[in-house]
Amino acid sequence: MVDYKQILRLRAEGVSQRGIADVLGCSRNTVAAVFAAATAAGVGFGRTSLLTRSATCCCPNRPGRTRTV
């Protein structure tokens, strides 16, 4: 399972998409989709630290769908 908060935290630290994908063991497409979803929602890491886990478990590759945790 991808940790969306971790992706956004690493993004805030300046880690590249490829670097994030390598560290977290997910695809670069997943990282790019999380970036795009966060940008569209106006969410950065500072704001995600306030969200609950279920609120950050959206599936960015399938808009409008959420995953159960």
PDB file of N, CA and C in Angstrom:
ATOM      1  N   MET A   1       0.843  -1.171   0.000  1.00  0.00           N
ATOM      2  CA  MET A   1       0.000   0.000   0.000  1.00  0.00           C
ATOM      3  C   MET A   1       0.892   1.239   0.000  1.00  0.00           C
ATOM      4  N   VAL A   2       0.534   2.191  -0.806  1.00  0.00           N
ATOM      5  CA  VAL A   2       1.316   3.415  -0.938  1.00  0.00           C
ATOM      6  C   VAL A   2       0.938   4.385   0.178  1.00  0.00           C
ATOM      7  N   ASP A   3       1.943   4.995   0.773  1.00  0.00           N
ATOM      8  CA  ASP A   3       1.721   5.980   1.835  1.00  0.00           C
ATOM      9  C   ASP A   3       1.742   7.371   1.195  1.00  0.00           C
ATOM     10  N   TYR A   4       0.558   7.923   0.956  1.00  0.00           N
ATOM     11  CA  TYR A   4       0.444   9.202   0.259  1.00  0.00           C
ATOM     12  C   TYR A   4       1.070  10.343   1.050  1.00  0.00           C
ATOM     13  N   LYS A   5       0.949  10.305   2.360  1.00  0.00           N
ATOM     14  CA  LYS A   5       1.579  11.330   3.189  1.00  0.00           C
ATOM     15  C   LYS A   5       3.095  11.310   2.999  1.00  0.00           C
ATOM     16  N   GLN A   6       3.656  10.111   2.941  1.00  0.00           N
ATOM     17  CA  GLN A   6       5.107   9.970   2.770  1.00  0.00           C
ATOM     18  C   GLN A   6       5.541  10.541   1.420  1.00  0.00           C
ATOM     19  N   ILE A   7       4.754  10.297   0.384  1.00  0.00           N
ATOM     20  CA  ILE A   7       5.072  10.845  -0.936  1.00  0.00           C
ATOM     21  C   ILE A   7       5.110  12.369  -0.872  1.00  0.00           C
ATOM     22  N   LEU A   8       4.099  12.962  -0.247  1.00  0.00           N
ATOM     23  CA  LEU A   8       4.049  14.424  -0.172  1.00  0.00           C
ATOM     24  C   LEU A   8       5.127  14.982   0.744  1.00  0.00           C
ATOM     25  N   ARG A   9       5.483  14.255   1.798  1.00  0.00           N
ATOM     26  CA  ARG A   9       6.564  14.697   2.685  1.00  0.00           C
ATOM     27  C   ARG A   9       7.885  14.728   1.927  1.00  0.00           C
ATOM     28  N   LEU A  10       8.151  13.656   1.178  1.00  0.00           N
ATOM     29  CA  LEU A  10       9.389  13.593   0.405  1.00  0.00           C
ATOM     30  C   LEU A  10       9.408  14.666  -0.683  1.00  0.00           C
ATOM     31  N   ARG A  11       8.241  14.928  -1.266  1.00  0.00           N
ATOM     32  CA  ARG A  11       8.151  15.997  -2.269  1.00  0.00           C
ATOM     33  C   ARG A  11       8.527  17.341  -1.645  1.00  0.00           C
ATOM     34  N   ALA A  12       8.020  17.599  -0.440  1.00  0.00           N
ATOM     35  CA  ALA A  12       8.312  18.855   0.256  1.00  0.00           C
ATOM     36  C   ALA A  12       9.799  18.979   0.581  1.00  0.00           C
ATOM     37  N   GLU A  13      10.475  17.831   0.737  1.00  0.00           N
ATOM     38  CA  GLU A  13      11.909  17.827   1.016  1.00  0.00           C
ATOM     39  C   GLU A  13      12.747  17.960  -0.249  1.00  0.00           C
ATOM     40  N   GLY A  14      12.088  17.968  -1.411  1.00  0.00           N
ATOM     41  CA  GLY A  14      12.804  18.166  -2.668  1.00  0.00           C
ATOM     42  C   GLY A  14      13.286  16.892  -3.340  1.00  0.00           C
ATOM     43  N   VAL A  15      12.806  15.740  -2.894  1.00  0.00           N
ATOM     44  CA  VAL A  15      13.197  14.468  -3.511  1.00  0.00           C
ATOM     45  C   VAL A  15      12.482  14.341  -4.855  1.00  0.00           C
ATOM     46  N   SER A  16      13.180  13.837  -5.864  1.00  0.00           N
ATOM     47  CA  SER A  16      12.601  13.690  -7.200  1.00  0.00           C
ATOM     48  C   SER A  16      11.534  12.603  -7.222  1.00  0.00           C
ATOM     49  N   GLN A  17      10.710  12.622  -8.270  1.00  0.00           N
ATOM     50  CA  GLN A  17       9.677  11.588  -8.415  1.00  0.00           C
ATOM     51  C   GLN A  17      10.320  10.201  -8.479  1.00  0.00           C
ATOM     52  N   ARG A  18      11.399  10.085  -9.230  1.00  0.00           N
ATOM     53  CA  ARG A  18      12.089   8.804  -9.339  1.00  0.00           C
ATOM     54  C   ARG A  18      12.637   8.368  -7.980  1.00  0.00           C
ATOM     55  N   GLY A  19      13.211   9.323  -7.238  1.00  0.00           N
ATOM     56  CA  GLY A  19      13.742   9.022  -5.919  1.00  0.00           C
ATOM     57  C   GLY A  19      12.662   8.556  -4.958  1.00  0.00           C
ATOM     58  N   ILE A  20      11.516   9.226  -5.005  1.00  0.00           N
ATOM     59  CA  ILE A  20      10.398   8.837  -4.138  1.00  0.00           C
ATOM     60  C   ILE A  20       9.930   7.430  -4.492  1.00  0.00           C
ATOM     61  N   ALA A  21       9.780   7.169  -5.788  1.00  0.00           N
ATOM     62  CA  ALA A  21       9.336   5.846  -6.231  1.00  0.00           C
ATOM     63  C   ALA A  21      10.307   4.763  -5.775  1.00  0.00           C
ATOM     64  N   ASP A  22      11.599   5.030  -5.892  1.00  0.00           N
ATOM     65  CA  ASP A  22      12.605   4.051  -5.472  1.00  0.00           C
ATOM     66  C   ASP A  22      12.552   3.798  -3.974  1.00  0.00           C
ATOM     67  N   VAL A  23      12.472   4.871  -3.198  1.00  0.00           N
ATOM     68  CA  VAL A  23      12.469   4.746  -1.736  1.00  0.00           C
ATOM     69  C   VAL A  23      11.228   3.999  -1.239  1.00  0.00           C
ATOM     70  N   LEU A  24      10.069   4.312  -1.822  1.00  0.00           N
ATOM     71  CA  LEU A  24       8.808   3.739  -1.333  1.00  0.00           C
ATOM     72  C   LEU A  24       8.402   2.452  -2.057  1.00  0.00           C
ATOM     73  N   GLY A  25       9.124   2.108  -3.114  1.00  0.00           N
ATOM     74  CA  GLY A  25       8.816   0.864  -3.826  1.00  0.00           C
ATOM     75  C   GLY A  25       7.522   0.932  -4.623  1.00  0.00           C
ATOM     76  N   CYS A  26       7.220   2.109  -5.157  1.00  0.00           N
ATOM     77  CA  CYS A  26       6.034   2.238  -5.999  1.00  0.00           C
ATOM     78  C   CYS A  26       6.473   2.763  -7.361  1.00  0.00           C
ATOM     79  N   SER A  27       5.547   2.846  -8.294  1.00  0.00           N
ATOM     80  CA  SER A  27       5.913   3.299  -9.637  1.00  0.00           C
ATOM     81  C   SER A  27       5.988   4.825  -9.700  1.00  0.00           C
ATOM     82  N   ARG A  28       6.733   5.323 -10.668  1.00  0.00           N
ATOM     83  CA  ARG A  28       6.804   6.768 -10.879  1.00  0.00           C
ATOM     84  C   ARG A  28       5.444   7.309 -11.296  1.00  0.00           C
ATOM     85  N   ASN A  29       4.662   6.489 -11.998  1.00  0.00           N
ATOM     86  CA  ASN A  29       3.312   6.914 -12.381  1.00  0.00           C
ATOM     87  C   ASN A  29       2.438   7.143 -11.156  1.00  0.00           C
ATOM     88  N   THR A  30       2.594   6.308 -10.142  1.00  0.00           N
ATOM     89  CA  THR A  30       1.840   6.488  -8.901  1.00  0.00           C
ATOM     90  C   THR A  30       2.242   7.791  -8.228  1.00  0.00           C
ATOM     91  N   VAL A  31       3.540   8.046  -8.159  1.00  0.00           N
ATOM     92  CA  VAL A  31       4.040   9.284  -7.548  1.00  0.00           C
ATOM     93  C   VAL A  31       3.507  10.486  -8.321  1.00  0.00           C
ATOM     94  N   ALA A  32       3.564  10.446  -9.639  1.00  0.00           N
ATOM     95  CA  ALA A  32       3.070  11.547 -10.466  1.00  0.00           C
ATOM     96  C   ALA A  32       1.573  11.760 -10.247  1.00  0.00           C
ATOM     97  N   ALA A  33       0.820  10.667 -10.120  1.00  0.00           N
ATOM     98  CA  ALA A  33      -0.625  10.774  -9.899  1.00  0.00           C
ATOM     99  C   ALA A  33      -0.929  11.403  -8.548  1.00  0.00           C
ATOM    100  N   VAL A  34      -0.146  11.061  -7.526  1.00  0.00           N
ATOM    101  CA  VAL A  34      -0.328  11.660  -6.202  1.00  0.00           C
ATOM    102  C   VAL A  34       0.004  13.149  -6.265  1.00  0.00           C
ATOM    103  N   PHE A  35       1.086  13.510  -6.946  1.00  0.00           N
ATOM    104  CA  PHE A  35       1.449  14.921  -7.113  1.00  0.00           C
ATOM    105  C   PHE A  35       0.300  15.674  -7.783  1.00  0.00           C
ATOM    106  N   ALA A  36      -0.226  15.108  -8.866  1.00  0.00           N
ATOM    107  CA  ALA A  36      -1.296  15.772  -9.620  1.00  0.00           C
ATOM    108  C   ALA A  36      -2.554  15.925  -8.769  1.00  0.00           C
ATOM    109  N   ALA A  37      -2.924  14.878  -8.036  1.00  0.00           N
ATOM    110  CA  ALA A  37      -4.115  14.938  -7.192  1.00  0.00           C
ATOM    111  C   ALA A  37      -3.941  15.959  -6.073  1.00  0.00           C
ATOM    112  N   ALA A  38      -2.759  16.001  -5.479  1.00  0.00           N
ATOM    113  CA  ALA A  38      -2.496  16.958  -4.400  1.00  0.00           C
ATOM    114  C   ALA A  38      -2.511  18.389  -4.929  1.00  0.00           C
ATOM    115  N   THR A  39      -1.914  18.592  -6.097  1.00  0.00           N
ATOM    116  CA  THR A  39      -1.894  19.925  -6.698  1.00  0.00           C
ATOM    117  C   THR A  39      -3.313  20.377  -7.033  1.00  0.00           C
ATOM    118  N   ALA A  40      -4.109  19.489  -7.622  1.00  0.00           N
ATOM    119  CA  ALA A  40      -5.495  19.822  -7.978  1.00  0.00           C
ATOM    120  C   ALA A  40      -6.325  20.155  -6.742  1.00  0.00           C
ATOM    121  N   ALA A  41      -6.027  19.472  -5.636  1.00  0.00           N
ATOM    122  CA  ALA A  41      -6.772  19.699  -4.397  1.00  0.00           C
ATOM    123  C   ALA A  41      -6.181  20.837  -3.573  1.00  0.00           C
ATOM    124  N   GLY A  42      -5.041  21.368  -4.013  1.00  0.00           N
ATOM    125  CA  GLY A  42      -4.386  22.441  -3.276  1.00  0.00           C
ATOM    126  C   GLY A  42      -3.788  21.984  -1.966  1.00  0.00           C
ATOM    127  N   VAL A  43      -3.329  20.731  -1.943  1.00  0.00           N
ATOM    128  CA  VAL A  43      -2.790  20.146  -0.715  1.00  0.00           C
ATOM    129  C   VAL A  43      -1.290  19.964  -0.829  1.00  0.00           C
ATOM    130  N   GLY A  44      -0.562  20.427   0.179  1.00  0.00           N
ATOM    131  CA  GLY A  44       0.872  20.203   0.286  1.00  0.00           C
ATOM    132  C   GLY A  44       1.141  19.396   1.541  1.00  0.00           C
ATOM    133  N   PHE A  45       2.379  19.107   1.853  1.00  0.00           N
ATOM    134  CA  PHE A  45       2.643  18.262   3.024  1.00  0.00           C
ATOM    135  C   PHE A  45       2.189  18.900   4.323  1.00  0.00           C
ATOM    136  N   GLY A  46       2.352  20.204   4.460  1.00  0.00           N
ATOM    137  CA  GLY A  46       1.934  20.869   5.691  1.00  0.00           C
ATOM    138  C   GLY A  46       0.478  20.616   6.010  1.00  0.00           C
ATOM    139  N   ARG A  47      -0.355  20.559   4.985  1.00  0.00           N
ATOM    140  CA  ARG A  47      -1.781  20.310   5.189  1.00  0.00           C
ATOM    141  C   ARG A  47      -2.066  18.827   5.383  1.00  0.00           C
ATOM    142  N   THR A  48      -1.314  17.922   4.761  1.00  0.00           N
ATOM    143  CA  THR A  48      -1.596  16.501   4.905  1.00  0.00           C
ATOM    144  C   THR A  48      -1.258  16.008   6.294  1.00  0.00           C
ATOM    145  N   SER A  49      -0.338  16.681   6.982  1.00  0.00           N
ATOM    146  CA  SER A  49       0.001  16.240   8.329  1.00  0.00           C
ATOM    147  C   SER A  49      -1.189  16.376   9.270  1.00  0.00           C
ATOM    148  N   LEU A  50      -2.183  17.169   8.873  1.00  0.00           N
ATOM    149  CA  LEU A  50      -3.381  17.363   9.687  1.00  0.00           C
ATOM    150  C   LEU A  50      -4.497  16.394   9.323  1.00  0.00           C
ATOM    151  N   LEU A  51      -4.373  15.704   8.190  1.00  0.00           N
ATOM    152  CA  LEU A  51      -5.429  14.811   7.727  1.00  0.00           C
ATOM    153  C   LEU A  51      -5.328  13.436   8.376  1.00  0.00           C
ATOM    154  N   THR A  52      -6.457  12.753   8.444  1.00  0.00           N
ATOM    155  CA  THR A  52      -6.459  11.385   8.954  1.00  0.00           C
ATOM    156  C   THR A  52      -5.984  10.449   7.868  1.00  0.00           C
ATOM    157  N   ARG A  53      -5.641   9.241   8.240  1.00  0.00           N
ATOM    158  CA  ARG A  53      -5.168   8.259   7.260  1.00  0.00           C
ATOM    159  C   ARG A  53      -6.233   7.974   6.209  1.00  0.00           C
ATOM    160  N   SER A  54      -7.483   7.812   6.626  1.00  0.00           N
ATOM    161  CA  SER A  54      -8.532   7.495   5.661  1.00  0.00           C
ATOM    162  C   SER A  54      -8.759   8.633   4.674  1.00  0.00           C
ATOM    163  N   ALA A  55      -8.540   9.866   5.104  1.00  0.00           N
ATOM    164  CA  ALA A  55      -8.728  11.010   4.208  1.00  0.00           C
ATOM    165  C   ALA A  55      -7.635  11.084   3.161  1.00  0.00           C
ATOM    166  N   THR A  56      -6.478  10.482   3.400  1.00  0.00           N
ATOM    167  CA  THR A  56      -5.382  10.544   2.440  1.00  0.00           C
ATOM    168  C   THR A  56      -5.222   9.247   1.659  1.00  0.00           C
ATOM    169  N   CYS A  57      -6.156   8.347   1.761  1.00  0.00           N
ATOM    170  CA  CYS A  57      -6.052   7.061   1.061  1.00  0.00           C
ATOM    171  C   CYS A  57      -6.886   7.031  -0.208  1.00  0.00           C
ATOM    172  N   CYS A  58      -6.979   8.156  -0.884  1.00  0.00           N
ATOM    173  CA  CYS A  58      -7.700   8.150  -2.144  1.00  0.00           C
ATOM    174  C   CYS A  58      -6.854   7.428  -3.181  1.00  0.00           C
ATOM    175  N   CYS A  59      -7.490   6.944  -4.187  1.00  0.00           N
ATOM    176  CA  CYS A  59      -6.768   6.262  -5.259  1.00  0.00           C
ATOM    177  C   CYS A  59      -6.605   7.249  -6.409  1.00  0.00           C
ATOM    178  N   PRO A  60      -5.426   7.894  -6.543  1.00  0.00           N
ATOM    179  CA  PRO A  60      -5.278   8.950  -7.532  1.00  0.00           C
ATOM    180  C   PRO A  60      -5.404   8.485  -8.973  1.00  0.00           C
ATOM    181  N   ASN A  61      -5.232   7.204  -9.227  1.00  0.00           N
ATOM    182  CA  ASN A  61      -5.337   6.698 -10.591  1.00  0.00           C
ATOM    183  C   ASN A  61      -6.781   6.510 -11.014  1.00  0.00           C
ATOM    184  N   ARG A  62      -7.706   6.574 -10.050  1.00  0.00           N
ATOM    185  CA  ARG A  62      -9.121   6.407 -10.338  1.00  0.00           C
ATOM    186  C   ARG A  62      -9.894   7.502  -9.618  1.00  0.00           C
ATOM    187  N   PRO A  63     -10.019   8.660 -10.238  1.00  0.00           N
ATOM    188  CA  PRO A  63     -10.688   9.778  -9.589  1.00  0.00           C
ATOM    189  C   PRO A  63     -12.077   9.399  -9.086  1.00  0.00           C
ATOM    190  N   GLY A  64     -12.402   9.881  -7.902  1.00  0.00           N
ATOM    191  CA  GLY A  64     -13.717   9.612  -7.348  1.00  0.00           C
ATOM    192  C   GLY A  64     -13.807   8.317  -6.574  1.00  0.00           C
ATOM    193  N   ARG A  65     -12.757   7.514  -6.592  1.00  0.00           N
ATOM    194  CA  ARG A  65     -12.777   6.247  -5.863  1.00  0.00           C
ATOM    195  C   ARG A  65     -11.871   6.334  -4.655  1.00  0.00           C
ATOM    196  N   THR A  66     -12.226   5.614  -3.633  1.00  0.00           N
ATOM    197  CA  THR A  66     -11.379   5.546  -2.456  1.00  0.00           C
ATOM    198  C   THR A  66     -11.113   4.100  -2.122  1.00  0.00           C
ATOM    199  N   ARG A  67     -10.043   3.884  -1.412  1.00  0.00           N
ATOM    200  CA  ARG A  67      -9.701   2.535  -0.955  1.00  0.00           C
ATOM    201  C   ARG A  67     -10.105   2.401   0.495  1.00  0.00           C
ATOM    202  N   THR A  68     -10.521   1.225   0.880  1.00  0.00           N
ATOM    203  CA  THR A  68     -10.797   0.987   2.298  1.00  0.00           C
ATOM    204  C   THR A  68      -9.493   0.597   2.967  1.00  0.00           C
ATOM    205  N   VAL A  69      -9.346   0.980   4.202  1.00  0.00           N
ATOM    206  CA  VAL A  69      -8.115   0.706   4.928  1.00  0.00           C
ATOM    207  C   VAL A  69      -8.371  -0.262   6.035  1.00  0.00           C
TER     208      VAL A  69
END
